[in-house]
Amino acid sequence: MTYTSTVTQKGQITLPKSARNKLNIKIRQKVTIEVEKDHIKISPTSDILTIAGFLKTKVKRPYNILNARESFEKGYSRA
């Protein structure tokens, strides 16, 4: 498929929504840009921030620092 976009004064282009949907590119996701002799290739990429929050913990965390300290002291024995 071919898409057309205009280069702005700042050298930016907009990826058409249909192209983003087809490649599953989300807002603020990083892309790889490869420059060849006569064309540019744009591909979606993944980094650690892209998958942040993917794995959720089932452990309930204390709501404040005092609860966290109490919880730590209950489970910690001094030798």
Protein backbone atom coordinates (compact mmCIF):
# COMPACT_ATOMS: atom_id res chain seq x y z
CA MET A 1 0.00 0.00 0.00
CA THR A 2 1.20 3.54 -0.70
CA TYR A 3 0.58 6.55 1.54
CA THR A 4 1.31 10.23 0.94
CA SER A 5 2.32 12.73 3.62
CA THR A 6 3.74 16.26 3.57
CA VAL A 7 7.04 17.26 5.18
CA THR A 8 6.60 20.27 7.50
CA GLN A 9 9.00 23.20 7.94
CA LYS A 10 10.54 21.30 10.87
CA GLY A 11 11.12 18.21 8.73
CA GLN A 12 8.30 16.24 10.33
CA ILE A 13 5.79 13.94 8.67
CA THR A 14 2.55 12.41 9.87
CA LEU A 15 2.07 8.67 9.54
CA PRO A 16 -1.46 8.15 8.27
CA LYS A 17 -3.79 6.46 10.76
CA SER A 18 -4.49 3.55 8.43
CA ALA A 19 -0.73 2.85 8.17
CA ARG A 20 -0.30 3.08 11.96
CA ASN A 21 -3.22 0.71 12.46
CA LYS A 22 -1.89 -1.78 9.94
CA LEU A 23 1.53 -1.85 11.67
CA ASN A 24 0.02 -1.57 15.18
CA ILE A 25 2.03 1.58 15.95
CA LYS A 26 0.72 3.27 19.09
CA ILE A 27 0.98 6.92 20.15
CA ARG A 28 4.45 7.78 21.51
CA GLN A 29 5.82 4.40 20.41
CA LYS A 30 9.33 4.48 18.99
CA VAL A 31 9.95 3.61 15.36
CA THR A 32 13.12 2.68 13.49
CA ILE A 33 14.00 4.80 10.47
CA GLU A 34 16.36 3.25 7.92
CA VAL A 35 17.72 5.43 5.11
CA GLU A 36 18.59 3.59 1.90
CA LYS A 37 19.90 5.04 -1.36
CA ASP A 38 16.56 6.35 -2.63
CA HIS A 39 14.00 5.61 0.08
CA ILE A 40 13.27 5.59 3.81
CA LYS A 41 11.93 2.56 5.70
CA ILE A 42 9.93 3.13 8.92
CA SER A 43 9.29 0.16 11.19
CA PRO A 44 7.76 -0.19 14.66
CA THR A 45 10.22 -1.07 17.40
CA SER A 46 10.01 -2.12 21.02
CA ASP A 47 12.00 -0.92 23.98
CA ILE A 48 11.67 -1.53 27.69
CA LEU A 49 9.34 1.45 28.11
CA THR A 50 6.96 0.04 25.52
CA ILE A 51 6.29 -3.03 27.65
CA ALA A 52 6.32 -1.18 30.99
CA GLY A 53 3.26 -2.15 32.96
CA PHE A 54 2.76 -5.32 30.93
CA LEU A 55 3.58 -7.50 33.92
CA LYS A 56 1.49 -6.52 36.91
CA THR A 57 2.34 -7.67 40.39
CA LYS A 58 -0.32 -9.29 42.52
CA VAL A 59 1.37 -8.11 45.72
CA LYS A 60 -0.48 -5.29 47.43
CA ARG A 61 1.82 -2.46 48.30
CA PRO A 62 1.55 -0.36 51.47
CA TYR A 63 -0.17 2.97 50.92
CA ASN A 64 2.44 5.07 52.67
CA ILE A 65 5.99 4.93 53.98
CA LEU A 66 4.95 4.25 57.58
CA ASN A 67 2.96 1.16 56.58
CA ALA A 68 5.89 0.01 54.47
CA ARG A 69 8.27 0.40 57.41
CA GLU A 70 5.96 -1.47 59.79
CA SER A 71 5.58 -4.28 57.26
CA PHE A 72 9.33 -4.50 56.83
CA GLU A 73 10.02 -4.54 60.58
CA LYS A 74 7.45 -7.32 61.15
CA GLY A 75 9.14 -9.58 58.62
CA TYR A 76 12.73 -8.70 59.53
CA SER A 77 14.54 -10.28 62.46
CA ARG A 78 17.67 -8.66 63.79
CA ALA A 79 20.50 -11.02 64.52
